Structure formats: structure tokens, C-alpha cells
C-alpha atoms as a PDB file:
ATOM      1  CA  UNK A   1     -33.171  25.625 -12.121  1.00  0.00           C
ATOM      2  CA  UNK A   2     -30.315  23.710 -10.632  1.00  0.00           C
ATOM      3  CA  UNK A   3     -30.086  19.970 -10.454  1.00  0.00           C
ATOM      4  CA  UNK A   4     -28.320  18.211  -7.646  1.00  0.00           C
ATOM      5  CA  UNK A   5     -25.463  16.246  -9.144  1.00  0.00           C
ATOM      6  CA  UNK A   6     -24.554  12.991  -7.442  1.00  0.00           C
ATOM      7  CA  UNK A   7     -21.079  13.007  -5.882  1.00  0.00           C
ATOM      8  CA  UNK A   8     -18.283  11.918  -8.161  1.00  0.00           C
ATOM      9  CA  UNK A   9     -16.606   8.601  -7.400  1.00  0.00           C
ATOM     10  CA  UNK A  10     -13.247   8.724  -5.629  1.00  0.00           C
ATOM     11  CA  UNK A  11     -10.113   9.161  -7.733  1.00  0.00           C
ATOM     12  CA  UNK A  12      -8.144   6.972  -5.293  1.00  0.00           C
ATOM     13  CA  UNK A  13      -8.681   3.593  -7.058  1.00  0.00           C
ATOM     14  CA  UNK A  14      -7.773   5.122 -10.432  1.00  0.00           C
ATOM     15  CA  UNK A  15      -4.596   6.687  -9.055  1.00  0.00           C
ATOM     16  CA  UNK A  16      -3.626   3.437  -7.327  1.00  0.00           C
ATOM     17  CA  UNK A  17      -4.103   1.475 -10.570  1.00  0.00           C
ATOM     18  CA  UNK A  18      -2.152   4.083 -12.569  1.00  0.00           C
ATOM     19  CA  UNK A  19       0.788   4.109 -10.162  1.00  0.00           C
ATOM     20  CA  UNK A  20       0.760   0.296  -9.930  1.00  0.00           C
ATOM     21  CA  UNK A  21       0.930   0.119 -13.721  1.00  0.00           C
ATOM     22  CA  UNK A  22       3.680   2.766 -13.826  1.00  0.00           C
ATOM     23  CA  UNK A  23       5.747   0.797 -11.289  1.00  0.00           C
ATOM     24  CA  UNK A  24       5.230  -2.480 -13.163  1.00  0.00           C
ATOM     25  CA  UNK A  25       5.981  -0.981 -16.583  1.00  0.00           C
ATOM     26  CA  UNK A  26       9.234   0.543 -15.340  1.00  0.00           C
ATOM     27  CA  UNK A  27      10.530  -2.526 -13.511  1.00  0.00           C
ATOM     28  CA  UNK A  28       9.777  -1.175 -10.023  1.00  0.00           C
ATOM     29  CA  UNK A  29       8.119  -3.050  -7.166  1.00  0.00           C
ATOM     30  CA  UNK A  30       4.777  -1.482  -6.153  1.00  0.00           C
ATOM     31  CA  UNK A  31       4.267  -1.384  -2.382  1.00  0.00           C
ATOM     32  CA  UNK A  32       1.030  -0.448  -0.642  1.00  0.00           C
ATOM     33  CA  UNK A  33       0.910   1.020   2.860  1.00  0.00           C
ATOM     34  CA  UNK A  34      -2.428  -0.020   4.386  1.00  0.00           C
ATOM     35  CA  UNK A  35      -4.205   1.152   7.543  1.00  0.00           C
ATOM     36  CA  UNK A  36      -5.355  -2.003   9.311  1.00  0.00           C
ATOM     37  CA  UNK A  37      -8.556  -2.333  11.301  1.00  0.00           C
ATOM     38  CA  UNK A  38     -11.297  -4.964  11.478  1.00  0.00           C
ATOM     39  CA  UNK A  39     -12.417  -4.138   7.916  1.00  0.00           C
ATOM     40  CA  UNK A  40      -9.068  -5.245   6.433  1.00  0.00           C
ATOM     41  CA  UNK A  41      -8.170  -8.919   5.910  1.00  0.00           C
ATOM     42  CA  UNK A  42      -4.394  -9.341   6.186  1.00  0.00           C
ATOM     43  CA  UNK A  43      -2.202 -11.575   8.365  1.00  0.00           C
ATOM     44  CA  UNK A  44      -2.313  -9.748  11.698  1.00  0.00           C
ATOM     45  CA  UNK A  45       1.105 -11.016  12.760  1.00  0.00           C
ATOM     46  CA  UNK A  46       2.692  -8.729  10.139  1.00  0.00           C
ATOM     47  CA  UNK A  47       0.822  -5.575  11.217  1.00  0.00           C
ATOM     48  CA  UNK A  48       2.941  -2.932  12.962  1.00  0.00           C
ATOM     49  CA  UNK A  49       1.565   0.287  14.482  1.00  0.00           C
ATOM     50  CA  UNK A  50      -1.813  -0.331  12.837  1.00  0.00           C
ATOM     51  CA  UNK A  51      -0.274  -0.564   9.355  1.00  0.00           C
ATOM     52  CA  UNK A  52       1.080  -3.151   6.970  1.00  0.00           C
ATOM     53  CA  UNK A  53       3.293  -2.742   3.905  1.00  0.00           C
ATOM     54  CA  UNK A  54       2.387  -5.096   1.059  1.00  0.00           C
ATOM     55  CA  UNK A  55       4.402  -6.030  -2.021  1.00  0.00           C
ATOM     56  CA  UNK A  56       1.731  -6.000  -4.752  1.00  0.00           C
ATOM     57  CA  UNK A  57       3.956  -6.876  -7.700  1.00  0.00           C
ATOM     58  CA  UNK A  58       2.607  -9.449 -10.112  1.00  0.00           C
ATOM     59  CA  UNK A  59       5.517 -11.724  -9.143  1.00  0.00           C
ATOM     60  CA  UNK A  60       4.602 -11.650  -5.435  1.00  0.00           C
ATOM     61  CA  UNK A  61       0.824 -11.977  -5.830  1.00  0.00           C
ATOM     62  CA  UNK A  62      -1.686 -14.109  -7.655  1.00  0.00           C
ATOM     63  CA  UNK A  63      -5.190 -13.196  -8.739  1.00  0.00           C
ATOM     64  CA  UNK A  64      -4.468  -9.494  -8.105  1.00  0.00           C
ATOM     65  CA  UNK A  65      -7.611  -7.375  -8.527  1.00  0.00           C
ATOM     66  CA  UNK A  66      -7.270  -3.601  -8.174  1.00  0.00           C
ATOM     67  CA  UNK A  67     -10.961  -2.728  -8.044  1.00  0.00           C
ATOM     68  CA  UNK A  68     -12.843   0.501  -7.365  1.00  0.00           C
ATOM     69  CA  UNK A  69     -13.865  -0.584  -3.857  1.00  0.00           C
ATOM     70  CA  UNK A  70     -11.310  -3.214  -2.823  1.00  0.00           C
ATOM     71  CA  UNK A  71      -7.895  -4.659  -3.595  1.00  0.00           C
ATOM     72  CA  UNK A  72      -7.787  -8.447  -3.452  1.00  0.00           C
ATOM     73  CA  UNK A  73      -5.030 -10.973  -4.047  1.00  0.00           C
ATOM     74  CA  UNK A  74      -3.335 -14.113  -2.759  1.00  0.00           C
ATOM     75  CA  UNK A  75       0.246 -14.003  -1.481  1.00  0.00           C
ATOM     76  CA  UNK A  76       2.644 -15.976   0.650  1.00  0.00           C
ATOM     77  CA  UNK A  77       3.382 -14.690   4.136  1.00  0.00           C
ATOM     78  CA  UNK A  78       6.217 -16.517   5.839  1.00  0.00           C
ATOM     79  CA  UNK A  79       5.800 -19.234   3.194  1.00  0.00           C
ATOM     80  CA  UNK A  80       2.084 -19.702   3.924  1.00  0.00           C
ATOM     81  CA  UNK A  81      -0.436 -18.764   1.175  1.00  0.00           C
ATOM     82  CA  UNK A  82      -3.009 -16.233   2.425  1.00  0.00           C
ATOM     83  CA  UNK A  83      -5.895 -14.208   1.018  1.00  0.00           C
ATOM     84  CA  UNK A  84      -5.639 -10.422   1.286  1.00  0.00           C
ATOM     85  CA  UNK A  85      -8.627  -8.073   1.113  1.00  0.00           C
ATOM     86  CA  UNK A  86      -8.187  -4.301   1.500  1.00  0.00           C
ATOM     87  CA  UNK A  87     -10.889  -1.636   1.161  1.00  0.00           C
ATOM     88  CA  UNK A  88      -9.601   1.098  -1.192  1.00  0.00           C
ATOM     89  CA  UNK A  89     -10.071   3.804   1.447  1.00  0.00           C
ATOM     90  CA  UNK A  90      -7.589   1.967   3.716  1.00  0.00           C
ATOM     91  CA  UNK A  91      -4.702   2.418   1.264  1.00  0.00           C
ATOM     92  CA  UNK A  92      -2.504   5.125   2.790  1.00  0.00           C
ATOM     93  CA  UNK A  93       0.136   5.137   0.050  1.00  0.00           C
ATOM     94  CA  UNK A  94       1.468   3.415  -3.033  1.00  0.00           C
ATOM     95  CA  UNK A  95       5.129   3.753  -3.904  1.00  0.00           C
ATOM     96  CA  UNK A  96       7.999   2.149  -5.809  1.00  0.00           C
ATOM     97  CA  UNK A  97      10.302   0.239  -3.460  1.00  0.00           C
ATOM     98  CA  UNK A  98      13.374   1.077  -5.512  1.00  0.00           C
ATOM     99  CA  UNK A  99      13.126   4.879  -5.505  1.00  0.00           C
ATOM    100  CA  UNK A 100      10.262   5.827  -3.166  1.00  0.00           C
ATOM    101  CA  UNK A 101       8.252   7.600  -5.864  1.00  0.00           C
ATOM    102  CA  UNK A 102       4.540   7.387  -5.245  1.00  0.00           C
ATOM    103  CA  UNK A 103       1.530   9.011  -3.655  1.00  0.00           C
ATOM    104  CA  UNK A 104      -0.036   9.198  -0.202  1.00  0.00           C
ATOM    105  CA  UNK A 105      -3.736   9.369   0.678  1.00  0.00           C
ATOM    106  CA  UNK A 106      -5.831  10.447   3.645  1.00  0.00           C
ATOM    107  CA  UNK A 107      -6.492   7.749   6.244  1.00  0.00           C
ATOM    108  CA  UNK A 108      -9.920   6.060   6.375  1.00  0.00           C
ATOM    109  CA  UNK A 109     -12.722   7.220   8.622  1.00  0.00           C
ATOM    110  CA  UNK A 110     -12.389   5.391  11.944  1.00  0.00           C
ATOM    111  CA  UNK A 111     -14.789   2.660  12.897  1.00  0.00           C
ATOM    112  CA  UNK A 112     -17.179   3.618  15.701  1.00  0.00           C
ATOM    113  CA  UNK A 113     -15.341   1.366  18.171  1.00  0.00           C
ATOM    114  CA  UNK A 114     -11.971   2.713  16.945  1.00  0.00           C
ATOM    115  CA  UNK A 115     -12.887   6.240  18.029  1.00  0.00           C
ATOM    116  CA  UNK A 116     -11.858   5.339  21.572  1.00  0.00           C
ATOM    117  CA  UNK A 117      -8.454   4.117  20.354  1.00  0.00           C
ATOM    118  CA  UNK A 118      -5.399   6.139  21.373  1.00  0.00           C
ATOM    119  CA  UNK A 119      -4.635   9.113  19.172  1.00  0.00           C
ATOM    120  CA  UNK A 120      -2.207   8.386  16.389  1.00  0.00           C
ATOM    121  CA  UNK A 121      -2.887   4.655  16.197  1.00  0.00           C
ATOM    122  CA  UNK A 122      -3.934   4.869  12.544  1.00  0.00           C
ATOM    123  CA  UNK A 123      -4.508   8.600  12.200  1.00  0.00           C
ATOM    124  CA  UNK A 124      -1.257   9.551  10.500  1.00  0.00           C
ATOM    125  CA  UNK A 125       0.745   8.308   7.569  1.00  0.00           C
ATOM    126  CA  UNK A 126       3.998   6.669   8.512  1.00  0.00           C
ATOM    127  CA  UNK A 127       6.400   7.094   5.615  1.00  0.00           C
ATOM    128  CA  UNK A 128       8.573   4.086   4.997  1.00  0.00           C
ATOM    129  CA  UNK A 129      12.084   4.611   3.600  1.00  0.00           C
ATOM    130  CA  UNK A 130      12.675   2.961   0.264  1.00  0.00           C
ATOM    131  CA  UNK A 131      15.697   1.151   1.694  1.00  0.00           C
ATOM    132  CA  UNK A 132      13.645  -0.925   4.146  1.00  0.00           C
ATOM    133  CA  UNK A 133      13.933  -4.690   3.827  1.00  0.00           C
ATOM    134  CA  UNK A 134      11.302  -6.646   1.952  1.00  0.00           C
ATOM    135  CA  UNK A 135       8.038  -6.720   3.872  1.00  0.00           C
ATOM    136  CA  UNK A 136       7.361 -10.167   5.188  1.00  0.00           C
ATOM    137  CA  UNK A 137       3.900  -9.925   3.692  1.00  0.00           C
ATOM    138  CA  UNK A 138       4.564 -11.182   0.202  1.00  0.00           C
ATOM    139  CA  UNK A 139       7.007 -13.621  -1.261  1.00  0.00           C
ATOM    140  CA  UNK A 140       9.960 -11.844  -2.826  1.00  0.00           C
ATOM    141  CA  UNK A 141      10.087 -11.894  -6.577  1.00  0.00           C
ATOM    142  CA  UNK A 142      12.934 -13.543  -8.416  1.00  0.00           C
ATOM    143  CA  UNK A 143      14.494 -10.168  -9.178  1.00  0.00           C
ATOM    144  CA  UNK A 144      14.130  -8.804  -5.659  1.00  0.00           C
ATOM    145  CA  UNK A 145      16.966  -8.429  -3.250  1.00  0.00           C
ATOM    146  CA  UNK A 146      19.670  -5.808  -3.186  1.00  0.00           C
ATOM    147  CA  UNK A 147      19.338  -3.089  -5.812  1.00  0.00           C
ATOM    148  CA  UNK A 148      21.714  -3.177  -8.777  1.00  0.00           C
ATOM    149  CA  UNK A 149      25.285  -2.252  -7.917  1.00  0.00           C
ATOM    150  CA  UNK A 150      26.262   1.358  -8.345  1.00  0.00           C
ATOM    151  CA  UNK A 151      26.902   4.388  -6.212  1.00  0.00           C
ATOM    152  CA  UNK A 152      25.341   4.006  -2.779  1.00  0.00           C
ATOM    153  CA  UNK A 153      23.352   6.954  -1.438  1.00  0.00           C
ATOM    154  CA  UNK A 154      24.798   8.465   1.728  1.00  0.00           C
ATOM    155  CA  UNK A 155      21.464   8.155   3.539  1.00  0.00           C
ATOM    156  CA  UNK A 156      18.260   6.167   2.903  1.00  0.00           C
ATOM    157  CA  UNK A 157      15.882   7.781   0.432  1.00  0.00           C
ATOM    158  CA  UNK A 158      12.500   8.819   1.709  1.00  0.00           C
ATOM    159  CA  UNK A 159       9.468   8.143  -0.478  1.00  0.00           C
ATOM    160  CA  UNK A 160       8.326  11.102  -2.500  1.00  0.00           C
ATOM    161  CA  UNK A 161       4.634  11.045  -1.660  1.00  0.00           C
ATOM    162  CA  UNK A 162       1.869  13.529  -2.359  1.00  0.00           C
ATOM    163  CA  UNK A 163      -1.291  13.574  -0.239  1.00  0.00           C
ATOM    164  CA  UNK A 164      -4.487  13.435  -2.337  1.00  0.00           C
ATOM    165  CA  UNK A 165      -7.922  14.183  -0.947  1.00  0.00           C
END
């Protein structure tokens, strides 16, 4: 006799929390790359190519909740406090701003009305170099700004991301 086992919950929220903690513990700034559609609540004026990059450090956010189904917090965008609400399956990547180390995830299933959207609007992961300026999404932390002085790399570092299913 075989019993049908219910599907296991996604590992994505656990990996996001673990990498967020790793970034925070090591003095790095955790950034999330989020696929934006009508199910995501972020300031639309900061969305580019169907994505937004969010600084989710404790210094840039308040009331940060990294849950199993959603990520919620308050942050300042252009000096204006805003609420952010992201379904876990819309997180495309989490990485450390300073060195690009992190992990990438599959994009979310499209909404029924999004299926008519042009190909590539949210279908692929757009890797963001670690040398990009602060996203306008969250207020910079006191320690943000240029990285500590030292040898400058000859070219911008690309995030080291691994796709997880």
C-alpha cells in the first residue's frame, strides 16, 4: 500500500531567510530582485523592465517580516515612507550588494492577463552587477556608500547566483 504524501513546502523562503541572515551577520547589504506584477505592492515608479531591486537590510527597513508566503516591510522611497509587500514566489534573487554572492530563483507563474504580455517582460532573470548604485527603493543605511578603500577591480563584479527550483 502506498500513501499519497502531500507536496513539501517550497525551500525558497528558507533559503531567502538564510541568505538574508548570512548577509546581515557578515556586514553585507542584502538586496532582493523582485518580479513585479499586480500581485506585488511596491512603488511602481521604481520598477524597471518588470523588476525592482530592494535593499532589505535592517537599517533600510522597518518591521521586516521574511515569512513563508510573503516578505513585508516599510521603507523610504525618495524620502517617502511606503509599505512593501512581495509574494515569496516573486523573489528572483537575493544577493549581497558588496560582493554579489547570492542565489537566483525561477520566476513566478504569470497571471492569466500577463500571458498576453510580450515575451521576456518578466520571464528571465536580469542579473544586476554588484557595483550598481544604491536602488532608490530603500533609504541608504549609515554605512552605505562607496565600499571601503582598497584595490579597485578592473571590471564590475557580477553576482554569483545559483538557480534553485
